[in-house]
Amino acid sequence: MRNSRARYGLMLAAGVSALALLAGCAATDTATGSDEPVEIADGEPGPAEDTEITVAIPFPDITMYSMYILATDLGYYEEEGLTVEVITADNVTAAVASGSADIGVESTGTVIEAIRGGVEVDLVSGHYCRQNFDFAVQDGITSVDQLDGTSVVLAGTPGDPAEYQRALVLQEEGWDLDTVDVEVVYPGPGSESWTEFFVNDRITLQPFYGDDLPALEAHDANIIVESLRNWANDVQIAGDGWIEENPNTLIRFLRATIKAVGYITAPAPGEFPENVDSVLDIYEANDYDVADLRANETPWVLDGHLACDNLYFDAAAWDETVETQSLQPIEFDESQIAYLLKAQELLGLGNEGPETLPYP
């Protein structure tokens, strides 16, 4: 469920422009970094070097970034000697690269292109490993040719790599936008703004999430695609220099965050979450309106079906994003996920990819 209302404890972080960061950086064929194995000592990590962590997210969301709230309220970060503050940033990659944030959540394609451009960030773990691809068109539209000459939404902001992934799914489902003349418009990052455009008949097609559905149904929208795909659509990143200075902090942060994701998804992604009441109590204590979520009796109430509880990421997930978003090939630096692998090991987890789940 998506919600863009102001979140308790969130502050707006001013990030420098990605264009400014990337200017003058030469493109390369391999990810930046030494690609040398990262040596991590056996056993427990040492004390956290930096005990106060700032996490940047692109927009407030009641479920999508809830693992940070839960890890705080459940004491997982405190157990690791950490305190975590969550901020919103107009450009997460820029905020992390500039030091305005220590860790950030960003779309995988954006991170790949930033690394290619020489931005000094590393991909340190997955965030969500599945993605809903749901699309609505205006009432009466039953084929792609009827979209000709109209405006559509595929993403909230220009350059969002999810736009290409969504276009590919539409093509696979028989709605190839390349066969018609459409104007792609960008109403803003939150899906509620896309729905506002839709119900006011300013666009003919939009992606949507669960909390958009009531308004779309009231508008008699035609739901043309509902699909759940295994895709590591966003990831956690950290600055190269920060990682070098804070390896124990990163391992401890990832371990605590994995615990929180496991709490959300227990007993397993796709099954009804056994901790739903306590999770919603924590949301409510942090000033969220959870009335609609409390009324939701489906297994998908906490969006846990989108997460891998081990924060999975590997070269296969990297290559899939490169291929499906038609990016220039770039080699994956395995050393980036050494800290993730250590955190998983400490919790007795492997780095297996997502299992296929039925559509919610």
Protein backbone atom coordinates (compact mmCIF):
# COMPACT_ATOMS: atom_id res chain seq x y z
CA MET A 1 0.00 0.00 0.00
CA ARG A 2 1.35 3.41 -0.96
CA ASN A 3 0.88 6.58 1.07
CA SER A 4 2.66 9.89 0.55
CA ARG A 5 1.50 11.68 3.70
CA ALA A 6 4.22 13.19 5.88
CA ARG A 7 6.00 10.55 7.92
CA TYR A 8 6.89 10.95 11.58
CA GLY A 9 10.54 11.79 12.02
CA LEU A 10 11.25 12.35 8.33
CA MET A 11 13.10 15.44 7.17
CA LEU A 12 13.70 16.71 3.66
CA ALA A 13 17.30 16.32 2.55
CA ALA A 14 18.61 18.61 -0.12
CA GLY A 15 20.68 16.51 -2.51
CA VAL A 16 22.92 17.78 -5.26
CA SER A 17 21.87 17.09 -8.81
CA ALA A 18 22.84 13.73 -10.25
CA LEU A 19 23.84 15.54 -13.40
CA ALA A 20 26.29 17.61 -11.43
CA LEU A 21 27.71 14.50 -9.83
CA LEU A 22 28.04 12.71 -13.12
CA ALA A 23 29.40 15.62 -15.14
CA GLY A 24 32.89 14.95 -16.36
CA CYS A 25 32.85 11.29 -15.33
CA ALA A 26 33.87 8.99 -18.14
CA ALA A 27 31.73 5.94 -18.83
CA THR A 28 33.42 2.62 -18.27
CA ASP A 29 32.65 -0.99 -19.11
CA THR A 30 33.09 -2.27 -15.57
CA ALA A 31 31.79 -1.19 -12.19
CA THR A 32 34.08 1.16 -10.33
CA GLY A 33 36.07 -0.15 -7.42
CA SER A 34 38.95 -2.51 -6.98
CA ASP A 35 36.89 -5.68 -7.49
CA GLU A 36 39.29 -7.18 -4.92
CA PRO A 37 37.81 -9.61 -2.36
CA VAL A 38 36.75 -7.85 0.81
CA GLU A 39 38.33 -9.53 3.82
CA ILE A 40 35.94 -9.76 6.74
CA ALA A 41 36.99 -11.43 9.97
CA ASP A 42 35.22 -14.56 11.16
CA GLY A 43 32.72 -14.35 13.96
CA GLU A 44 30.94 -11.29 15.29
CA PRO A 45 31.75 -7.88 13.77
CA GLY A 46 33.63 -5.40 15.88
CA PRO A 47 31.92 -2.39 17.48
CA ALA A 48 30.18 -0.02 15.12
CA GLU A 49 32.52 2.73 13.95
CA ASP A 50 29.68 5.18 13.20
CA THR A 51 26.77 4.68 15.57
CA GLU A 52 24.41 7.25 14.05
CA ILE A 53 23.15 6.30 10.58
CA THR A 54 21.15 8.44 8.17
CA VAL A 55 19.06 6.54 5.62
CA ALA A 56 17.71 8.40 2.58
CA ILE A 57 14.50 7.28 0.86
CA PRO A 58 12.92 8.86 -2.24
CA PHE A 59 9.48 9.49 -0.71
CA PRO A 60 7.58 8.57 2.45
CA ASP A 61 5.68 5.30 2.21
CA ILE A 62 3.81 3.53 4.96
CA THR A 63 4.95 0.03 4.03
CA MET A 64 7.74 0.25 1.47
CA TYR A 65 10.33 1.62 3.90
CA SER A 66 8.81 0.37 7.14
CA MET A 67 11.71 -1.97 7.96
CA TYR A 68 13.66 1.03 9.29
CA ILE A 69 10.86 2.07 11.64
CA LEU A 70 10.34 -1.50 12.78
CA ALA A 71 14.05 -2.17 13.35
CA THR A 72 14.14 0.95 15.52
CA ASP A 73 10.99 0.24 17.51
CA LEU A 74 11.76 -3.46 17.95
CA GLY A 75 15.23 -2.62 19.28
CA TYR A 76 17.19 -4.32 16.49
CA TYR A 77 19.32 -1.26 15.75
CA GLU A 78 19.85 -0.61 19.46
CA GLU A 79 21.12 -4.17 19.85
CA GLU A 80 23.77 -3.33 17.25
CA GLY A 81 24.72 -0.08 18.96
CA LEU A 82 23.07 2.00 16.25
CA THR A 83 20.52 4.77 15.96
CA VAL A 84 18.92 5.33 12.56
CA GLU A 85 17.29 8.47 11.18
CA VAL A 86 15.29 8.29 7.96
CA ILE A 87 15.13 11.30 5.65
CA THR A 88 13.61 11.90 2.24
CA ALA A 89 15.83 13.11 -0.59
CA ASP A 90 14.95 14.39 -4.03
CA ASN A 91 17.91 12.41 -5.35
CA VAL A 92 18.93 9.53 -3.11
CA THR A 93 22.10 8.62 -5.01
CA ALA A 94 23.28 12.21 -4.87
CA ALA A 95 22.52 12.43 -1.14
CA VAL A 96 24.58 9.30 -0.43
CA ALA A 97 27.45 10.29 -2.72
CA SER A 98 27.64 13.76 -1.18
CA GLY A 99 27.54 12.49 2.40
CA SER A 100 24.12 13.94 3.22
CA ALA A 101 23.08 10.35 3.91
CA ASP A 102 25.06 7.25 4.80
CA ILE A 103 22.75 4.68 3.21
CA GLY A 104 19.96 5.07 0.67
CA VAL A 105 17.29 3.17 -1.21
CA GLU A 106 17.35 3.70 -4.97
CA SER A 107 16.11 1.95 -8.11
CA THR A 108 18.54 -0.66 -9.39
CA GLY A 109 18.85 0.83 -12.88
CA THR A 110 19.63 4.28 -11.48
CA VAL A 111 22.37 2.80 -9.28
CA ILE A 112 23.91 0.88 -12.18
CA GLU A 113 24.08 4.01 -14.32
CA ALA A 114 25.50 6.05 -11.43
CA ILE A 115 28.27 3.50 -10.86
CA ARG A 116 28.96 3.45 -14.60
CA GLY A 117 29.27 7.24 -14.50
CA GLY A 118 31.85 7.15 -11.73
CA VAL A 119 29.64 8.16 -8.80
CA GLU A 120 31.34 6.83 -5.68
CA VAL A 121 28.60 4.61 -4.32
CA ASP A 122 28.32 0.84 -3.92
CA LEU A 123 25.27 -1.38 -4.07
CA VAL A 124 25.32 -3.08 -0.66
CA SER A 125 22.09 -5.12 -0.64
CA GLY A 126 18.69 -5.61 -2.14
CA HIS A 127 15.61 -3.86 -0.80
CA TYR A 128 12.62 -5.34 -2.65
CA CYS A 129 13.11 -8.41 -4.84
CA ARG A 130 9.67 -8.57 -6.47
CA GLN A 131 7.50 -5.99 -8.16
CA ASN A 132 3.81 -5.69 -8.91
CA PHE A 133 3.11 -4.60 -12.47
CA ASP A 134 -0.52 -3.46 -12.46
CA PHE A 135 -1.98 -1.16 -15.11
CA ALA A 136 -5.32 0.57 -15.62
CA VAL A 137 -6.77 2.26 -18.69
CA GLN A 138 -9.83 4.43 -19.08
CA ASP A 139 -13.26 2.84 -19.31
CA GLY A 140 -14.02 1.63 -22.83
CA ILE A 141 -10.39 1.12 -23.84
CA THR A 142 -9.82 -2.52 -24.72
CA SER A 143 -6.80 -2.47 -27.05
CA VAL A 144 -3.54 -0.60 -27.41
CA ASP A 145 -4.55 1.13 -30.65
CA GLN A 146 -7.17 3.10 -28.70
CA LEU A 147 -4.34 4.81 -26.80
CA ASP A 148 -3.10 6.49 -29.99
CA GLY A 149 -2.87 10.26 -29.60
CA THR A 150 -3.32 10.21 -25.82
CA SER A 151 -1.12 10.80 -22.75
CA VAL A 152 0.03 7.95 -20.49
CA VAL A 153 2.05 7.55 -17.30
CA LEU A 154 4.79 4.93 -16.92
CA ALA A 155 6.78 6.59 -14.11
CA GLY A 156 6.51 9.62 -11.90
CA THR A 157 9.73 11.34 -12.96
CA PRO A 158 11.80 11.38 -16.16
CA GLY A 159 14.69 8.94 -16.18
CA ASP A 160 13.14 6.49 -13.72
CA PRO A 161 14.37 3.10 -14.99
CA ALA A 162 11.10 1.52 -13.87
CA GLU A 163 9.55 3.19 -16.92
CA TYR A 164 11.40 0.79 -19.22
CA GLN A 165 10.55 -2.25 -17.13
CA ARG A 166 6.86 -1.31 -17.15
CA ALA A 167 6.90 -0.73 -20.90
CA LEU A 168 8.42 -4.19 -21.36
CA VAL A 169 5.74 -5.85 -19.23
CA LEU A 170 3.03 -4.02 -21.18
CA GLN A 171 4.59 -5.22 -24.42
CA GLU A 172 4.66 -8.80 -23.16
CA GLU A 173 1.00 -8.52 -22.18
CA GLY A 174 -0.11 -7.28 -25.61
CA TRP A 175 -0.04 -3.54 -24.94
CA ASP A 176 3.06 -2.47 -26.90
CA LEU A 177 3.20 1.31 -26.63
CA ASP A 178 5.79 1.47 -29.39
CA THR A 179 3.03 0.63 -31.88
CA VAL A 180 1.04 3.79 -31.13
CA ASP A 181 1.69 7.52 -30.80
CA VAL A 182 1.44 8.33 -27.09
CA GLU A 183 2.82 11.16 -24.97
CA VAL A 184 4.51 9.91 -21.79
CA VAL A 185 3.95 12.39 -18.96
CA TYR A 186 5.40 12.50 -15.43
CA PRO A 187 2.98 13.77 -12.76
CA GLY A 188 5.33 13.14 -9.80
CA PRO A 189 6.87 10.28 -7.81
CA GLY A 190 3.80 9.26 -5.79
CA SER A 191 1.16 7.08 -7.44
CA GLU A 192 -1.62 9.14 -5.88
CA SER A 193 -0.70 11.94 -8.31
CA TRP A 194 -0.94 9.51 -11.23
CA THR A 195 -4.41 8.50 -10.09
CA GLU A 196 -5.41 12.15 -9.76
CA PHE A 197 -4.46 12.67 -13.39
CA PHE A 198 -6.36 9.52 -14.34
CA VAL A 199 -9.66 10.27 -12.60
CA ASN A 200 -9.60 13.76 -14.10
CA ASP A 201 -9.24 12.18 -17.57
CA ARG A 202 -5.83 13.74 -18.24
CA ILE A 203 -4.19 10.38 -18.97
CA THR A 204 -5.44 7.13 -20.46
CA LEU A 205 -3.05 4.61 -18.82
CA GLN A 206 -1.23 4.37 -15.51
CA PRO A 207 0.56 1.85 -13.29
CA PHE A 208 -1.14 1.52 -9.92
CA TYR A 209 -0.75 0.09 -6.43
CA GLY A 210 -3.27 -1.40 -4.03
CA ASP A 211 -4.29 1.85 -2.38
CA ASP A 212 -5.01 3.43 -5.78
CA LEU A 213 -7.52 0.72 -6.69
CA PRO A 214 -10.62 2.08 -4.89
CA ALA A 215 -10.40 5.41 -6.75
CA LEU A 216 -9.76 3.65 -10.05
CA GLU A 217 -12.70 1.32 -9.54
CA ALA A 218 -14.95 4.25 -8.63
CA HIS A 219 -13.89 5.82 -11.92
CA ASP A 220 -14.79 2.58 -13.80
CA ALA A 221 -11.20 2.04 -14.91
CA ASN A 222 -10.41 -1.02 -16.98
CA ILE A 223 -7.70 -3.11 -15.26
CA ILE A 224 -5.68 -4.58 -18.14
CA VAL A 225 -2.61 -6.12 -16.49
CA GLU A 226 -2.03 -7.60 -13.02
CA SER A 227 1.33 -9.32 -12.71
CA LEU A 228 3.89 -10.08 -10.00
CA ARG A 229 7.45 -10.50 -11.28
CA ASN A 230 10.68 -11.53 -9.58
CA TRP A 231 12.85 -8.45 -10.03
CA ALA A 232 15.26 -6.71 -7.67
CA ASN A 233 13.71 -3.38 -8.53
CA ASP A 234 15.41 -1.34 -5.83
CA VAL A 235 18.49 -1.69 -3.68
CA GLN A 236 20.35 -0.21 -0.74
CA ILE A 237 23.49 1.79 -1.47
CA ALA A 238 26.27 3.41 0.53
CA GLY A 239 29.17 5.68 -0.26
CA ASP A 240 32.51 4.07 -1.09
CA GLY A 241 34.40 6.10 1.49
CA TRP A 242 31.80 5.56 4.19
CA ILE A 243 31.93 1.79 3.68
CA GLU A 244 35.72 1.73 3.96
CA GLU A 245 35.53 3.66 7.24
CA ASN A 246 32.53 1.80 8.68
CA PRO A 247 32.58 -1.91 7.73
CA ASN A 248 31.33 -3.12 11.11
CA THR A 249 28.60 -0.49 11.12
CA LEU A 250 27.39 -1.66 7.71
CA ILE A 251 27.31 -5.33 8.72
CA ARG A 252 25.44 -4.48 11.91
CA PHE A 253 22.99 -2.23 10.06
CA LEU A 254 22.26 -4.91 7.46
CA ARG A 255 21.80 -7.60 10.12
CA ALA A 256 19.29 -5.48 12.04
CA THR A 257 17.43 -4.52 8.86
CA ILE A 258 17.22 -8.16 7.74
CA LYS A 259 15.69 -9.00 11.13
CA ALA A 260 13.05 -6.33 10.58
CA VAL A 261 12.24 -7.60 7.09
CA GLY A 262 11.94 -11.10 8.53
CA TYR A 263 9.51 -9.77 11.15
CA ILE A 264 7.36 -8.26 8.40
CA THR A 265 7.38 -11.35 6.19
CA ALA A 266 7.06 -14.05 8.87
CA PRO A 267 6.25 -16.87 8.52
CA ALA A 268 7.20 -16.46 4.83
CA PRO A 269 6.65 -14.03 1.95
CA GLY A 270 3.26 -14.67 0.37
CA GLU A 271 1.72 -16.10 3.53
CA PHE A 272 -0.47 -14.11 5.90
CA PRO A 273 1.91 -12.13 8.15
CA GLU A 274 1.78 -13.48 11.68
CA ASN A 275 3.02 -10.19 13.17
CA VAL A 276 0.53 -7.96 11.37
CA ASP A 277 -1.12 -6.58 14.51
CA SER A 278 2.14 -5.59 16.19
CA VAL A 279 3.46 -4.11 12.94
CA LEU A 280 0.34 -1.98 12.53
CA ASP A 281 0.57 -0.93 16.19
CA ILE A 282 4.10 0.33 15.49
CA TYR A 283 2.92 2.21 12.40
CA GLU A 284 0.12 3.80 14.44
CA ALA A 285 2.52 4.77 17.22
CA ASN A 286 4.55 6.58 14.57
CA ASP A 287 1.53 8.68 13.53
CA TYR A 288 0.30 6.66 10.56
CA ASP A 289 -3.35 6.19 9.75
CA VAL A 290 -3.67 2.40 9.59
CA ALA A 291 -7.44 2.04 9.47
CA ASP A 292 -7.43 0.75 5.89
CA LEU A 293 -4.58 -1.63 6.63
CA ARG A 294 -6.35 -3.05 9.66
CA ALA A 295 -9.34 -3.79 7.44
CA ASN A 296 -7.15 -5.58 4.89
CA GLU A 297 -7.38 -9.32 5.53
CA THR A 298 -5.23 -10.44 2.59
CA PRO A 299 -1.69 -11.86 2.87
CA TRP A 300 -0.49 -8.74 1.05
CA VAL A 301 -1.44 -6.26 3.77
CA LEU A 302 2.19 -5.36 4.64
CA ASP A 303 3.60 -5.65 1.10
CA GLY A 304 5.75 -8.50 2.41
CA HIS A 305 5.30 -10.42 -0.83
CA LEU A 306 7.59 -7.88 -2.51
CA ALA A 307 10.49 -8.52 -0.14
CA CYS A 308 13.10 -11.23 0.20
CA ASP A 309 13.74 -11.62 3.91
CA ASN A 310 17.49 -12.05 3.27
CA LEU A 311 17.76 -8.75 1.30
CA TYR A 312 18.89 -10.82 -1.69
CA PHE A 313 21.03 -9.37 -4.43
CA ASP A 314 23.66 -10.87 -6.74
CA ALA A 315 25.14 -10.71 -10.24
CA ALA A 316 22.06 -12.37 -11.74
CA ALA A 317 19.80 -9.60 -10.39
CA TRP A 318 22.24 -6.99 -11.70
CA ASP A 319 22.37 -8.59 -15.16
CA GLU A 320 18.57 -8.89 -15.31
CA THR A 321 18.20 -5.15 -14.77
CA VAL A 322 20.84 -4.40 -17.41
CA GLU A 323 19.08 -6.66 -19.91
CA THR A 324 15.46 -5.71 -19.28
CA GLN A 325 16.17 -1.98 -19.15
CA SER A 326 18.41 -2.13 -22.25
CA LEU A 327 21.38 -0.67 -20.39
CA GLN A 328 24.92 -0.84 -21.71
CA PRO A 329 26.51 -4.02 -20.27
CA ILE A 330 28.54 -3.43 -17.14
CA GLU A 331 30.23 -6.07 -14.99
CA PHE A 332 28.99 -6.61 -11.45
CA ASP A 333 31.56 -6.07 -8.71
CA GLU A 334 30.95 -8.99 -6.34
CA SER A 335 32.83 -7.24 -3.54
CA GLN A 336 29.90 -4.84 -3.16
CA ILE A 337 27.77 -7.46 -1.41
CA ALA A 338 30.46 -8.87 0.89
CA TYR A 339 28.88 -7.11 3.86
CA LEU A 340 25.44 -8.44 2.97
CA LEU A 341 26.82 -11.98 2.76
CA LYS A 342 28.41 -11.57 6.19
CA ALA A 343 25.17 -10.27 7.73
CA GLN A 344 23.27 -13.18 6.18
CA GLU A 345 25.85 -15.64 7.49
CA LEU A 346 25.51 -14.28 11.02
CA LEU A 347 21.77 -14.92 10.81
CA GLY A 348 22.14 -18.38 9.32
CA LEU A 349 20.76 -17.26 5.95
CA GLY A 350 21.95 -17.78 2.40
CA ASN A 351 21.71 -15.36 -0.51
CA GLU A 352 19.06 -17.24 -2.46
CA GLY A 353 16.91 -15.35 -4.91
CA PRO A 354 13.12 -14.97 -4.69
CA GLU A 355 10.72 -17.84 -5.12
CA THR A 356 7.86 -17.38 -7.56
CA LEU A 357 4.70 -16.29 -5.75
CA PRO A 358 1.10 -16.24 -7.00
CA TYR A 359 -0.34 -12.86 -7.90
CA PRO A 360 -1.88 -11.20 -4.81
